[in-house]
Amino acid sequence: ADLFFHLNVWAFESIANITINMRLGLLNENNKDKN
């Protein structure tokens, strides 16, 4: 039901890949970072 949150994470990872030139690992299955 929180699909929009997951889309936010995808967008953040995509934009960071462009503007910061690195993958943040936000889509990693093992990433449980509450931040």
PDB file of all heavy atoms in Angstrom:
ATOM      1  N   ALA A   1       0.822  -1.212   0.000  1.00  0.00           N
ATOM      2  CA  ALA A   1       0.000   0.000   0.000  1.00  0.00           C
ATOM      3  C   ALA A   1       0.853   1.258   0.000  1.00  0.00           C
ATOM      4  O   ALA A   1       0.417   2.321  -0.457  1.00  0.00           O
ATOM      5  CB  ALA A   1      -0.941  -0.006   1.205  1.00  0.00           C
ATOM      6  N   ASP A   2       2.089   1.138   0.503  1.00  0.00           N
ATOM      7  CA  ASP A   2       2.980   2.308   0.515  1.00  0.00           C
ATOM      8  C   ASP A   2       3.842   2.357  -0.743  1.00  0.00           C
ATOM      9  O   ASP A   2       5.032   2.703  -0.697  1.00  0.00           O
ATOM     10  CB  ASP A   2       3.852   2.311   1.771  1.00  0.00           C
ATOM     11  CG  ASP A   2       4.792   1.106   1.859  1.00  0.00           C
ATOM     12  OD1 ASP A   2       4.579   0.136   1.108  1.00  0.00           O
ATOM     13  OD2 ASP A   2       5.725   1.145   2.668  1.00  0.00           O
ATOM     14  N   LEU A   3       3.238   2.039  -1.868  1.00  0.00           N
ATOM     15  CA  LEU A   3       3.946   2.061  -3.159  1.00  0.00           C
ATOM     16  C   LEU A   3       4.619   3.403  -3.401  1.00  0.00           C
ATOM     17  O   LEU A   3       5.720   3.466  -3.951  1.00  0.00           O
ATOM     18  CB  LEU A   3       2.965   1.753  -4.293  1.00  0.00           C
ATOM     19  CG  LEU A   3       3.491   1.922  -5.726  1.00  0.00           C
ATOM     20  CD1 LEU A   3       4.673   1.000  -5.986  1.00  0.00           C
ATOM     21  CD2 LEU A   3       2.372   1.674  -6.741  1.00  0.00           C
ATOM     22  N   PHE A   4       3.957   4.491  -2.993  1.00  0.00           N
ATOM     23  CA  PHE A   4       4.523   5.801  -3.274  1.00  0.00           C
ATOM     24  C   PHE A   4       5.845   6.008  -2.532  1.00  0.00           C
ATOM     25  O   PHE A   4       6.772   6.636  -3.068  1.00  0.00           O
ATOM     26  CB  PHE A   4       3.536   6.911  -2.918  1.00  0.00           C
ATOM     27  CG  PHE A   4       3.926   8.259  -3.462  1.00  0.00           C
ATOM     28  CD1 PHE A   4       4.063   8.453  -4.827  1.00  0.00           C
ATOM     29  CD2 PHE A   4       4.176   9.329  -2.626  1.00  0.00           C
ATOM     30  CE1 PHE A   4       4.431   9.685  -5.348  1.00  0.00           C
ATOM     31  CE2 PHE A   4       4.540  10.561  -3.129  1.00  0.00           C
ATOM     32  CZ  PHE A   4       4.668  10.745  -4.487  1.00  0.00           C
ATOM     33  N   PHE A   5       5.955   5.468  -1.325  1.00  0.00           N
ATOM     34  CA  PHE A   5       7.229   5.551  -0.609  1.00  0.00           C
ATOM     35  C   PHE A   5       8.326   4.841  -1.400  1.00  0.00           C
ATOM     36  O   PHE A   5       9.444   5.353  -1.544  1.00  0.00           O
ATOM     37  CB  PHE A   5       7.109   4.934   0.788  1.00  0.00           C
ATOM     38  CG  PHE A   5       8.445   4.683   1.443  1.00  0.00           C
ATOM     39  CD1 PHE A   5       9.164   5.725   2.001  1.00  0.00           C
ATOM     40  CD2 PHE A   5       9.000   3.410   1.463  1.00  0.00           C
ATOM     41  CE1 PHE A   5      10.414   5.501   2.575  1.00  0.00           C
ATOM     42  CE2 PHE A   5      10.242   3.177   2.042  1.00  0.00           C
ATOM     43  CZ  PHE A   5      10.945   4.229   2.604  1.00  0.00           C
ATOM     44  N   HIS A   6       8.016   3.674  -1.921  1.00  0.00           N
ATOM     45  CA  HIS A   6       9.014   2.923  -2.687  1.00  0.00           C
ATOM     46  C   HIS A   6       9.402   3.668  -3.970  1.00  0.00           C
ATOM     47  O   HIS A   6      10.567   3.627  -4.389  1.00  0.00           O
ATOM     48  CB  HIS A   6       8.480   1.531  -3.006  1.00  0.00           C
ATOM     49  CG  HIS A   6       8.302   0.675  -1.791  1.00  0.00           C
ATOM     50  ND1 HIS A   6       9.354   0.115  -1.099  1.00  0.00           N
ATOM     51  CD2 HIS A   6       7.181   0.302  -1.114  1.00  0.00           C
ATOM     52  CE1 HIS A   6       8.907  -0.567  -0.065  1.00  0.00           C
ATOM     53  NE2 HIS A   6       7.592  -0.484  -0.055  1.00  0.00           N
ATOM     54  N   LEU A   7       8.442   4.350  -4.568  1.00  0.00           N
ATOM     55  CA  LEU A   7       8.754   5.172  -5.743  1.00  0.00           C
ATOM     56  C   LEU A   7       9.645   6.349  -5.347  1.00  0.00           C
ATOM     57  O   LEU A   7      10.528   6.760  -6.116  1.00  0.00           O
ATOM     58  CB  LEU A   7       7.469   5.667  -6.402  1.00  0.00           C
ATOM     59  CG  LEU A   7       6.701   4.630  -7.220  1.00  0.00           C
ATOM     60  CD1 LEU A   7       5.313   5.160  -7.593  1.00  0.00           C
ATOM     61  CD2 LEU A   7       7.463   4.233  -8.483  1.00  0.00           C
ATOM     62  N   ASN A   8       9.419   6.905  -4.159  1.00  0.00           N
ATOM     63  CA  ASN A   8      10.299   7.969  -3.662  1.00  0.00           C
ATOM     64  C   ASN A   8      11.736   7.479  -3.549  1.00  0.00           C
ATOM     65  O   ASN A   8      12.685   8.181  -3.928  1.00  0.00           O
ATOM     66  CB  ASN A   8       9.829   8.436  -2.278  1.00  0.00           C
ATOM     67  CG  ASN A   8       8.666   9.403  -2.317  1.00  0.00           C
ATOM     68  OD1 ASN A   8       8.144   9.767  -1.277  1.00  0.00           O
ATOM     69  ND2 ASN A   8       8.252   9.810  -3.499  1.00  0.00           N
ATOM     70  N   VAL A   9      11.899   6.277  -3.021  1.00  0.00           N
ATOM     71  CA  VAL A   9      13.234   5.711  -2.867  1.00  0.00           C
ATOM     72  C   VAL A   9      13.888   5.498  -4.231  1.00  0.00           C
ATOM     73  O   VAL A   9      15.067   5.818  -4.432  1.00  0.00           O
ATOM     74  CB  VAL A   9      13.169   4.384  -2.086  1.00  0.00           C
ATOM     75  CG1 VAL A   9      14.546   3.706  -2.050  1.00  0.00           C
ATOM     76  CG2 VAL A   9      12.665   4.625  -0.659  1.00  0.00           C
ATOM     77  N   TRP A  10      13.100   4.975  -5.187  1.00  0.00           N
ATOM     78  CA  TRP A  10      13.623   4.810  -6.556  1.00  0.00           C
ATOM     79  C   TRP A  10      14.071   6.153  -7.133  1.00  0.00           C
ATOM     80  O   TRP A  10      15.160   6.255  -7.728  1.00  0.00           O
ATOM     81  CB  TRP A  10      12.540   4.198  -7.452  1.00  0.00           C
ATOM     82  CG  TRP A  10      12.763   4.476  -8.901  1.00  0.00           C
ATOM     83  CD1 TRP A  10      13.632   3.848  -9.740  1.00  0.00           C
ATOM     84  CD2 TRP A  10      12.133   5.510  -9.683  1.00  0.00           C
ATOM     85  NE1 TRP A  10      13.579   4.421 -11.001  1.00  0.00           N
ATOM     86  CE2 TRP A  10      12.668   5.433 -10.983  1.00  0.00           C
ATOM     87  CE3 TRP A  10      11.155   6.471  -9.399  1.00  0.00           C
ATOM     88  CZ2 TRP A  10      12.262   6.305 -12.003  1.00  0.00           C
ATOM     89  CZ3 TRP A  10      10.758   7.335 -10.415  1.00  0.00           C
ATOM     90  CH2 TRP A  10      11.309   7.241 -11.690  1.00  0.00           C
ATOM     91  N   ALA A  11      13.232   7.196  -6.965  1.00  0.00           N
ATOM     92  CA  ALA A  11      13.563   8.505  -7.518  1.00  0.00           C
ATOM     93  C   ALA A  11      14.818   9.073  -6.867  1.00  0.00           C
ATOM     94  O   ALA A  11      15.692   9.637  -7.547  1.00  0.00           O
ATOM     95  CB  ALA A  11      12.385   9.466  -7.341  1.00  0.00           C
ATOM     96  N   PHE A  12      14.927   8.918  -5.545  1.00  0.00           N
ATOM     97  CA  PHE A  12      16.102   9.436  -4.846  1.00  0.00           C
ATOM     98  C   PHE A  12      17.364   8.726  -5.331  1.00  0.00           C
ATOM     99  O   PHE A  12      18.398   9.364  -5.590  1.00  0.00           O
ATOM    100  CB  PHE A  12      15.937   9.237  -3.336  1.00  0.00           C
ATOM    101  CG  PHE A  12      16.814  10.127  -2.502  1.00  0.00           C
ATOM    102  CD1 PHE A  12      16.339  11.328  -1.991  1.00  0.00           C
ATOM    103  CD2 PHE A  12      18.134   9.774  -2.231  1.00  0.00           C
ATOM    104  CE1 PHE A  12      17.146  12.154  -1.223  1.00  0.00           C
ATOM    105  CE2 PHE A  12      18.947  10.596  -1.470  1.00  0.00           C
ATOM    106  CZ  PHE A  12      18.462  11.786  -0.958  1.00  0.00           C
ATOM    107  N   GLU A  13      17.289   7.413  -5.472  1.00  0.00           N
ATOM    108  CA  GLU A  13      18.443   6.638  -5.959  1.00  0.00           C
ATOM    109  C   GLU A  13      18.814   7.070  -7.382  1.00  0.00           C
ATOM    110  O   GLU A  13      20.007   7.198  -7.712  1.00  0.00           O
ATOM    111  CB  GLU A  13      18.124   5.142  -5.922  1.00  0.00           C
ATOM    112  CG  GLU A  13      19.249   4.237  -6.369  1.00  0.00           C
ATOM    113  CD  GLU A  13      20.261   3.940  -5.274  1.00  0.00           C
ATOM    114  OE1 GLU A  13      20.042   4.379  -4.128  1.00  0.00           O
ATOM    115  OE2 GLU A  13      21.267   3.283  -5.562  1.00  0.00           O
ATOM    116  N   SER A  14      17.808   7.302  -8.233  1.00  0.00           N
ATOM    117  CA  SER A  14      18.063   7.698  -9.619  1.00  0.00           C
ATOM    118  C   SER A  14      18.721   9.063  -9.693  1.00  0.00           C
ATOM    119  O   SER A  14      19.712   9.261 -10.410  1.00  0.00           O
ATOM    120  CB  SER A  14      16.752   7.717 -10.408  1.00  0.00           C
ATOM    121  OG  SER A  14      16.167   6.437 -10.487  1.00  0.00           O
ATOM    122  N   ILE A  15      18.175  10.024  -8.955  1.00  0.00           N
ATOM    123  CA  ILE A  15      18.694  11.394  -9.014  1.00  0.00           C
ATOM    124  C   ILE A  15      20.088  11.468  -8.405  1.00  0.00           C
ATOM    125  O   ILE A  15      20.970  12.176  -8.901  1.00  0.00           O
ATOM    126  CB  ILE A  15      17.730  12.365  -8.313  1.00  0.00           C
ATOM    127  CG1 ILE A  15      16.364  12.357  -9.010  1.00  0.00           C
ATOM    128  CG2 ILE A  15      18.289  13.786  -8.323  1.00  0.00           C
ATOM    129  CD1 ILE A  15      15.254  12.977  -8.198  1.00  0.00           C
ATOM    130  N   ALA A  16      20.297  10.721  -7.309  1.00  0.00           N
ATOM    131  CA  ALA A  16      21.624  10.695  -6.701  1.00  0.00           C
ATOM    132  C   ALA A  16      22.649  10.110  -7.667  1.00  0.00           C
ATOM    133  O   ALA A  16      23.804  10.556  -7.713  1.00  0.00           O
ATOM    134  CB  ALA A  16      21.587   9.885  -5.405  1.00  0.00           C
ATOM    135  N   ASN A  17      22.234   9.132  -8.448  1.00  0.00           N
ATOM    136  CA  ASN A  17      23.135   8.520  -9.427  1.00  0.00           C
ATOM    137  C   ASN A  17      23.591   9.539 -10.464  1.00  0.00           C
ATOM    138  O   ASN A  17      24.708   9.453 -10.994  1.00  0.00           O
ATOM    139  CB  ASN A  17      22.410   7.357 -10.114  1.00  0.00           C
ATOM    140  CG  ASN A  17      23.366   6.313 -10.658  1.00  0.00           C
ATOM    141  OD1 ASN A  17      24.568   6.368 -10.412  1.00  0.00           O
ATOM    142  ND2 ASN A  17      22.838   5.365 -11.405  1.00  0.00           N
ATOM    143  N   ILE A  18      22.738  10.526 -10.722  1.00  0.00           N
ATOM    144  CA  ILE A  18      23.068  11.574 -11.693  1.00  0.00           C
ATOM    145  C   ILE A  18      23.871  12.694 -11.042  1.00  0.00           C
ATOM    146  O   ILE A  18      24.950  13.060 -11.506  1.00  0.00           O
ATOM    147  CB  ILE A  18      21.781  12.148 -12.321  1.00  0.00           C
ATOM    148  CG1 ILE A  18      21.054  11.072 -13.131  1.00  0.00           C
ATOM    149  CG2 ILE A  18      22.112  13.357 -13.203  1.00  0.00           C
ATOM    150  CD1 ILE A  18      19.649  11.472 -13.543  1.00  0.00           C
ATOM    151  N   THR A  19      23.339  13.264  -9.951  1.00  0.00           N
ATOM    152  CA  THR A  19      23.932  14.478  -9.384  1.00  0.00           C
ATOM    153  C   THR A  19      25.101  14.214  -8.447  1.00  0.00           C
ATOM    154  O   THR A  19      25.930  15.098  -8.224  1.00  0.00           O
ATOM    155  CB  THR A  19      22.865  15.295  -8.623  1.00  0.00           C
ATOM    156  OG1 THR A  19      22.332  14.487  -7.560  1.00  0.00           O
ATOM    157  CG2 THR A  19      21.739  15.721  -9.544  1.00  0.00           C
ATOM    158  N   ILE A  20      25.166  13.003  -7.868  1.00  0.00           N
ATOM    159  CA  ILE A  20      26.245  12.689  -6.928  1.00  0.00           C
ATOM    160  C   ILE A  20      27.176  11.622  -7.499  1.00  0.00           C
ATOM    161  O   ILE A  20      28.227  11.327  -6.950  1.00  0.00           O
ATOM    162  CB  ILE A  20      25.649  12.248  -5.571  1.00  0.00           C
ATOM    163  CG1 ILE A  20      24.712  13.341  -5.047  1.00  0.00           C
ATOM    164  CG2 ILE A  20      26.724  12.004  -4.533  1.00  0.00           C
ATOM    165  CD1 ILE A  20      23.923  12.926  -3.833  1.00  0.00           C
ATOM    166  N   ASN A  21      26.779  11.031  -8.625  1.00  0.00           N
ATOM    167  CA  ASN A  21      27.615  10.077  -9.350  1.00  0.00           C
ATOM    168  C   ASN A  21      27.915   8.812  -8.555  1.00  0.00           C
ATOM    169  O   ASN A  21      29.019   8.280  -8.600  1.00  0.00           O
ATOM    170  CB  ASN A  21      28.934  10.729  -9.789  1.00  0.00           C
ATOM    171  CG  ASN A  21      29.622   9.935 -10.887  1.00  0.00           C
ATOM    172  OD1 ASN A  21      28.981   9.553 -11.857  1.00  0.00           O
ATOM    173  ND2 ASN A  21      30.912   9.686 -10.734  1.00  0.00           N
ATOM    174  N   MET A  22      26.909   8.335  -7.810  1.00  0.00           N
ATOM    175  CA  MET A  22      27.115   7.062  -7.118  1.00  0.00           C
ATOM    176  C   MET A  22      25.775   6.456  -6.723  1.00  0.00           C
ATOM    177  O   MET A  22      24.780   7.159  -6.557  1.00  0.00           O
ATOM    178  CB  MET A  22      27.997   7.239  -5.878  1.00  0.00           C
ATOM    179  CG  MET A  22      27.412   8.111  -4.789  1.00  0.00           C
ATOM    180  SD  MET A  22      28.558   8.224  -3.392  1.00  0.00           S
ATOM    181  CE  MET A  22      27.592   9.216  -2.250  1.00  0.00           C
ATOM    182  N   ARG A  23      25.761   5.136  -6.614  1.00  0.00           N
ATOM    183  CA  ARG A  23      24.607   4.412  -6.106  1.00  0.00           C
ATOM    184  C   ARG A  23      24.625   4.473  -4.583  1.00  0.00           C
ATOM    185  O   ARG A  23      25.649   4.241  -3.955  1.00  0.00           O
ATOM    186  CB  ARG A  23      24.621   2.963  -6.579  1.00  0.00           C
ATOM    187  CG  ARG A  23      24.394   2.757  -8.069  1.00  0.00           C
ATOM    188  CD  ARG A  23      22.983   3.111  -8.503  1.00  0.00           C
ATOM    189  NE  ARG A  23      21.963   2.350  -7.791  1.00  0.00           N
ATOM    190  CZ  ARG A  23      21.448   1.193  -8.208  1.00  0.00           C
ATOM    191  NH1 ARG A  23      21.869   0.660  -9.346  1.00  0.00           N
ATOM    192  NH2 ARG A  23      20.513   0.576  -7.510  1.00  0.00           N
ATOM    193  N   LEU A  24      23.481   4.760  -3.998  1.00  0.00           N
ATOM    194  CA  LEU A  24      23.380   4.837  -2.547  1.00  0.00           C
ATOM    195  C   LEU A  24      22.971   3.507  -1.926  1.00  0.00           C
ATOM    196  O   LEU A  24      23.021   3.347  -0.711  1.00  0.00           O
ATOM    197  CB  LEU A  24      22.373   5.926  -2.149  1.00  0.00           C
ATOM    198  CG  LEU A  24      22.685   7.348  -2.629  1.00  0.00           C
ATOM    199  CD1 LEU A  24      21.608   8.309  -2.147  1.00  0.00           C
ATOM    200  CD2 LEU A  24      24.052   7.792  -2.136  1.00  0.00           C
ATOM    201  N   GLY A  25      22.515   2.571  -2.764  1.00  0.00           N
ATOM    202  CA  GLY A  25      22.116   1.267  -2.250  1.00  0.00           C
ATOM    203  C   GLY A  25      20.760   1.266  -1.574  1.00  0.00           C
ATOM    204  O   GLY A  25      20.447   0.365  -0.791  1.00  0.00           O
ATOM    205  N   LEU A  26      19.926   2.248  -1.884  1.00  0.00           N
ATOM    206  CA  LEU A  26      18.622   2.356  -1.224  1.00  0.00           C
ATOM    207  C   LEU A  26      17.673   1.235  -1.626  1.00  0.00           C
ATOM    208  O   LEU A  26      16.719   0.934  -0.904  1.00  0.00           O
ATOM    209  CB  LEU A  26      17.971   3.707  -1.554  1.00  0.00           C
ATOM    210  CG  LEU A  26      18.798   4.958  -1.236  1.00  0.00           C
ATOM    211  CD1 LEU A  26      17.994   6.211  -1.555  1.00  0.00           C
ATOM    212  CD2 LEU A  26      19.233   4.964   0.221  1.00  0.00           C
ATOM    213  N   LEU A  27      17.918   0.613  -2.791  1.00  0.00           N
ATOM    214  CA  LEU A  27      17.037  -0.448  -3.272  1.00  0.00           C
ATOM    215  C   LEU A  27      17.538  -1.827  -2.879  1.00  0.00           C
ATOM    216  O   LEU A  27      16.910  -2.830  -3.223  1.00  0.00           O
ATOM    217  CB  LEU A  27      16.904  -0.362  -4.803  1.00  0.00           C
ATOM    218  CG  LEU A  27      16.322   0.940  -5.337  1.00  0.00           C
ATOM    219  CD1 LEU A  27      16.363   0.963  -6.862  1.00  0.00           C
ATOM    220  CD2 LEU A  27      14.898   1.137  -4.848  1.00  0.00           C
ATOM    221  N   ASN A  28      18.625  -1.860  -2.149  1.00  0.00           N
ATOM    222  CA  ASN A  28      19.187  -3.134  -1.696  1.00  0.00           C
ATOM    223  C   ASN A  28      18.229  -3.812  -0.725  1.00  0.00           C
ATOM    224  O   ASN A  28      17.728  -3.191   0.213  1.00  0.00           O
ATOM    225  CB  ASN A  28      20.537  -2.877  -1.012  1.00  0.00           C
ATOM    226  CG  ASN A  28      21.292  -4.155  -0.723  1.00  0.00           C
ATOM    227  OD1 ASN A  28      20.720  -5.130  -0.246  1.00  0.00           O
ATOM    228  ND2 ASN A  28      22.590  -4.142  -1.008  1.00  0.00           N
ATOM    229  N   GLU A  29      17.955  -5.073  -0.955  1.00  0.00           N
ATOM    230  CA  GLU A  29      17.011  -5.817  -0.116  1.00  0.00           C
ATOM    231  C   GLU A  29      17.435  -5.823   1.351  1.00  0.00           C
ATOM    232  O   GLU A  29      16.602  -5.884   2.257  1.00  0.00           O
ATOM    233  CB  GLU A  29      16.904  -7.273  -0.609  1.00  0.00           C
ATOM    234  CG  GLU A  29      16.302  -7.416  -2.002  1.00  0.00           C
ATOM    235  CD  GLU A  29      14.806  -7.154  -2.021  1.00  0.00           C
ATOM    236  OE1 GLU A  29      14.191  -7.145  -0.944  1.00  0.00           O
ATOM    237  OE2 GLU A  29      14.259  -6.964  -3.118  1.00  0.00           O
ATOM    238  N   ASN A  30      18.727  -5.745   1.599  1.00  0.00           N
ATOM    239  CA  ASN A  30      19.227  -5.817   2.971  1.00  0.00           C
ATOM    240  C   ASN A  30      19.347  -4.447   3.636  1.00  0.00           C
ATOM    241  O   ASN A  30      19.778  -4.355   4.791  1.00  0.00           O
ATOM    242  CB  ASN A  30      20.602  -6.506   2.989  1.00  0.00           C
ATOM    243  CG  ASN A  30      20.520  -7.930   2.463  1.00  0.00           C
ATOM    244  OD1 ASN A  30      19.589  -8.659   2.771  1.00  0.00           O
ATOM    245  ND2 ASN A  30      21.515  -8.319   1.656  1.00  0.00           N
ATOM    246  N   ASN A  31      18.976  -3.405   2.911  1.00  0.00           N
ATOM    247  CA  ASN A  31      19.079  -2.050   3.470  1.00  0.00           C
ATOM    248  C   ASN A  31      17.875  -1.778   4.361  1.00  0.00           C
ATOM    249  O   ASN A  31      16.764  -1.599   3.885  1.00  0.00           O
ATOM    250  CB  ASN A  31      19.159  -1.019   2.333  1.00  0.00           C
ATOM    251  CG  ASN A  31      19.541   0.363   2.849  1.00  0.00           C
ATOM    252  OD1 ASN A  31      19.221   0.735   3.967  1.00  0.00           O
ATOM    253  ND2 ASN A  31      20.236   1.112   2.017  1.00  0.00           N
ATOM    254  N   LYS A  32      18.095  -1.764   5.658  1.00  0.00           N
ATOM    255  CA  LYS A  32      17.024  -1.515   6.630  1.00  0.00           C
ATOM    256  C   LYS A  32      17.199  -0.157   7.323  1.00  0.00           C
ATOM    257  O   LYS A  32      16.716   0.063   8.421  1.00  0.00           O
ATOM    258  CB  LYS A  32      16.998  -2.624   7.694  1.00  0.00           C
ATOM    259  CG  LYS A  32      16.950  -4.041   7.133  1.00  0.00           C
ATOM    260  CD  LYS A  32      15.662  -4.313   6.364  1.00  0.00           C
ATOM    261  CE  LYS A  32      15.629  -5.768   5.882  1.00  0.00           C
ATOM    262  NZ  LYS A  32      14.417  -6.055   5.082  1.00  0.00           N
ATOM    263  N   ASP A  33      17.902   0.732   6.667  1.00  0.00           N
ATOM    264  CA  ASP A  33      18.237   2.022   7.263  1.00  0.00           C
ATOM    265  C   ASP A  33      16.976   2.840   7.535  1.00  0.00           C
ATOM    266  O   ASP A  33      16.276   3.259   6.613  1.00  0.00           O
ATOM    267  CB  ASP A  33      19.176   2.791   6.319  1.00  0.00           C
ATOM    268  CG  ASP A  33      19.763   4.032   6.973  1.00  0.00           C
ATOM    269  OD1 ASP A  33      19.319   4.392   8.075  1.00  0.00           O
ATOM    270  OD2 ASP A  33      20.663   4.634   6.367  1.00  0.00           O
ATOM    271  N   LYS A  34      16.681   3.069   8.806  1.00  0.00           N
ATOM    272  CA  LYS A  34      15.497   3.848   9.174  1.00  0.00           C
ATOM    273  C   LYS A  34      15.623   5.311   8.763  1.00  0.00           C
ATOM    274  O   LYS A  34      14.620   6.029   8.658  1.00  0.00           O
ATOM    275  CB  LYS A  34      15.257   3.747  10.683  1.00  0.00           C
ATOM    276  CG  LYS A  34      14.888   2.348  11.157  1.00  0.00           C
ATOM    277  CD  LYS A  34      14.643   2.331  12.658  1.00  0.00           C
ATOM    278  CE  LYS A  34      14.268   0.923  13.121  1.00  0.00           C
ATOM    279  NZ  LYS A  34      14.049   0.872  14.591  1.00  0.00           N
ATOM    280  N   ASN A  35      16.860   5.764   8.534  1.00  0.00           N
ATOM    281  CA  ASN A  35      17.047   7.155   8.121  1.00  0.00           C
ATOM    282  C   ASN A  35      16.440   7.432   6.752  1.00  0.00           C
ATOM    283  O   ASN A  35      16.128   8.581   6.430  1.00  0.00           O
ATOM    284  CB  ASN A  35      18.537   7.505   8.098  1.00  0.00           C
ATOM    285  CG  ASN A  35      19.116   7.608   9.497  1.00  0.00           C
ATOM    286  OD1 ASN A  35      18.430   8.051  10.415  1.00  0.00           O
ATOM    287  ND2 ASN A  35      20.358   7.188   9.658  1.00  0.00           N
TER     288      ASN A  35
END
